[in-house]
Each structure stands twice: as structure tokens, then as C-alpha cells.
C-alpha atoms as a PDB file:
ATOM      1  CA  MET A   1      50.934  -9.357  44.319  1.00  0.00           C
ATOM      2  CA  SER A   2      48.439 -11.754  42.793  1.00  0.00           C
ATOM      3  CA  PRO A   3      48.282 -12.330  39.005  1.00  0.00           C
ATOM      4  CA  HIS A   4      45.025 -10.361  38.895  1.00  0.00           C
ATOM      5  CA  ASP A   5      46.709  -7.264  40.283  1.00  0.00           C
ATOM      6  CA  ASP A   6      49.350  -7.162  37.546  1.00  0.00           C
ATOM      7  CA  PRO A   7      48.699  -3.956  35.535  1.00  0.00           C
ATOM      8  CA  THR A   8      50.668  -5.225  32.531  1.00  0.00           C
ATOM      9  CA  PRO A   9      48.994  -8.158  30.801  1.00  0.00           C
ATOM     10  CA  SER A  10      51.216 -10.820  29.348  1.00  0.00           C
ATOM     11  CA  ALA A  11      51.702 -10.924  25.593  1.00  0.00           C
ATOM     12  CA  GLY A  12      48.721 -12.479  23.832  1.00  0.00           C
ATOM     13  CA  ALA A  13      46.489 -12.396  26.904  1.00  0.00           C
ATOM     14  CA  SER A  14      42.846 -11.718  26.167  1.00  0.00           C
ATOM     15  CA  GLU A  15      41.337 -11.816  29.634  1.00  0.00           C
ATOM     16  CA  LEU A  16      38.424  -9.554  30.396  1.00  0.00           C
ATOM     17  CA  THR A  17      38.212  -7.582  33.588  1.00  0.00           C
ATOM     18  CA  ASP A  18      34.952  -7.704  35.510  1.00  0.00           C
ATOM     19  CA  PHE A  19      33.559  -4.179  35.729  1.00  0.00           C
ATOM     20  CA  THR A  20      30.349  -3.789  37.699  1.00  0.00           C
ATOM     21  CA  VAL A  21      28.656  -0.554  38.708  1.00  0.00           C
ATOM     22  CA  ASP A  22      25.633  -0.554  40.977  1.00  0.00           C
ATOM     23  CA  LEU A  23      23.453   2.400  39.977  1.00  0.00           C
ATOM     24  CA  THR A  24      20.706   1.647  42.491  1.00  0.00           C
ATOM     25  CA  SER A  25      21.491   4.583  44.775  1.00  0.00           C
ATOM     26  CA  GLN A  26      21.790   6.992  41.828  1.00  0.00           C
ATOM     27  CA  GLU A  27      18.459   5.777  40.424  1.00  0.00           C
ATOM     28  CA  VAL A  28      16.736   6.268  43.769  1.00  0.00           C
ATOM     29  CA  LEU A  29      18.201   9.773  43.995  1.00  0.00           C
ATOM     30  CA  ARG A  30      17.131  10.577  40.412  1.00  0.00           C
ATOM     31  CA  ARG A  31      13.574   9.430  41.062  1.00  0.00           C
ATOM     32  CA  ALA A  32      13.402  11.436  44.277  1.00  0.00           C
ATOM     33  CA  GLN A  33      14.589  14.541  42.438  1.00  0.00           C
ATOM     34  CA  VAL A  34      12.000  14.033  39.675  1.00  0.00           C
ATOM     35  CA  MET A  35       9.197  13.694  42.209  1.00  0.00           C
ATOM     36  CA  ALA A  36      10.441  16.783  44.070  1.00  0.00           C
ATOM     37  CA  ALA A  37      10.504  18.739  40.800  1.00  0.00           C
ATOM     38  CA  LEU A  38       6.937  17.662  39.967  1.00  0.00           C
ATOM     39  CA  GLY A  39       5.770  18.977  43.313  1.00  0.00           C
ATOM     40  CA  PRO A  40       3.051  17.844  45.709  1.00  0.00           C
ATOM     41  CA  ASP A  41       0.200  19.028  43.470  1.00  0.00           C
ATOM     42  CA  TRP A  42       1.105  16.732  40.547  1.00  0.00           C
ATOM     43  CA  ASP A  43      -1.800  14.418  39.743  1.00  0.00           C
ATOM     44  CA  PRO A  44      -0.887  11.673  37.255  1.00  0.00           C
ATOM     45  CA  VAL A  45      -4.539  10.801  36.563  1.00  0.00           C
ATOM     46  CA  GLU A  46      -5.305  14.423  35.719  1.00  0.00           C
ATOM     47  CA  VAL A  47      -2.263  14.546  33.429  1.00  0.00           C
ATOM     48  CA  LEU A  48      -3.379  11.421  31.565  1.00  0.00           C
ATOM     49  CA  LEU A  49      -6.913  12.759  31.176  1.00  0.00           C
ATOM     50  CA  GLY A  50      -5.474  16.008  29.833  1.00  0.00           C
ATOM     51  CA  GLU A  51      -3.370  14.092  27.307  1.00  0.00           C
ATOM     52  CA  GLU A  52      -6.420  12.126  26.171  1.00  0.00           C
ATOM     53  CA  ALA A  53      -8.380  15.367  25.743  1.00  0.00           C
ATOM     54  CA  ALA A  54      -5.496  16.848  23.739  1.00  0.00           C
ATOM     55  CA  TYR A  55      -5.402  13.816  21.429  1.00  0.00           C
ATOM     56  CA  ASP A  56      -9.179  13.974  20.981  1.00  0.00           C
ATOM     57  CA  LEU A  57      -8.859  17.631  19.992  1.00  0.00           C
ATOM     58  CA  LEU A  58      -5.894  16.895  17.711  1.00  0.00           C
ATOM     59  CA  TYR A  59      -7.830  14.278  15.748  1.00  0.00           C
ATOM     60  CA  SER A  60     -11.166  16.134  15.662  1.00  0.00           C
ATOM     61  CA  GLY A  61     -12.600  17.913  12.631  1.00  0.00           C
ATOM     62  CA  LEU A  62     -10.535  16.034  10.054  1.00  0.00           C
ATOM     63  CA  ASP A  63     -11.457  16.460   6.406  1.00  0.00           C
ATOM     64  CA  ALA A  64     -12.074  13.386   4.241  1.00  0.00           C
ATOM     65  CA  GLU A  65      -8.430  12.977   3.140  1.00  0.00           C
ATOM     66  CA  GLN A  66      -7.115  13.449   6.688  1.00  0.00           C
ATOM     67  CA  GLN A  67      -9.680  10.948   7.973  1.00  0.00           C
ATOM     68  CA  ARG A  68      -8.611   8.417   5.331  1.00  0.00           C
ATOM     69  CA  LEU A  69      -4.964   8.854   6.283  1.00  0.00           C
ATOM     70  CA  TYR A  70      -5.815   8.557   9.971  1.00  0.00           C
ATOM     71  CA  ASP A  71      -7.795   5.367   9.327  1.00  0.00           C
ATOM     72  CA  ASP A  72      -4.865   3.928   7.321  1.00  0.00           C
ATOM     73  CA  LEU A  73      -2.489   4.680  10.214  1.00  0.00           C
ATOM     74  CA  VAL A  74      -4.863   3.019  12.690  1.00  0.00           C
ATOM     75  CA  VAL A  75      -5.114  -0.103  10.504  1.00  0.00           C
ATOM     76  CA  ALA A  76      -1.299  -0.178  10.220  1.00  0.00           C
ATOM     77  CA  GLY A  77      -1.034   0.004  14.022  1.00  0.00           C
ATOM     78  CA  VAL A  78       0.796   3.339  13.998  1.00  0.00           C
ATOM     79  CA  LEU A  79      -1.983   5.185  15.832  1.00  0.00           C
ATOM     80  CA  PRO A  80      -4.549   3.888  18.307  1.00  0.00           C
ATOM     81  CA  ALA A  81      -8.212   3.968  17.314  1.00  0.00           C
ATOM     82  CA  ARG A  82     -10.089   6.821  18.963  1.00  0.00           C
ATOM     83  CA  GLY A  83     -13.691   7.894  19.146  1.00  0.00           C
ATOM     84  CA  GLY A  84     -15.323   4.633  18.154  1.00  0.00           C
ATOM     85  CA  GLY A  85     -13.247   4.282  15.003  1.00  0.00           C
ATOM     86  CA  LEU A  86     -13.695   7.806  13.707  1.00  0.00           C
ATOM     87  CA  ALA A  87     -11.106  10.418  14.570  1.00  0.00           C
ATOM     88  CA  SER A  88     -13.693  13.165  14.259  1.00  0.00           C
ATOM     89  CA  ALA A  89     -16.109  11.498  16.691  1.00  0.00           C
END
């Protein structure tokens, strides 16, 4: 038995054991399952366009106070600028 196989460390020993797990196969399986769940009709471009339209609708028709708050958040970098600088555009 080699010293590395000894299950009882000697007193005062502070050696670390190398522990490596290769998750490559699990990641490939996870990605395959996600794509299968999305189905063959999933269109990522259409999804992104839908999200953009939803954000445009969310930030449309703001009153003056809401617009001021939105503009402050854009300046602070919390929200991206939309509609040429006006949320209601």
C-alpha cells in the first residue's frame, strides 16, 4: 500500500486530496435535454424580438415622474436606453 492510499492521515498532516470531476458529459446531456424541451419550432430570433417588443410596451406611456425615474435609471446604467432616449417613444 502506498502512502497515498493510507485512509488514516498521520497526526498533524495537512495534505489536500486532489478531487476532480469532469462534468462535460453531464453538461452535454443537459444541453441536449434543454433543446429537446424547447422543441423544433423554437426560434431564438423571434423570442428576442418578442422580448424587445415587451420591453417597449413596458416602458411606453410613462407619466412625467415615471419618465424622470426611467431617465435616472438609464443614466445610472441600471436600464438600457430605449426609443431614442425616451421610454415613451
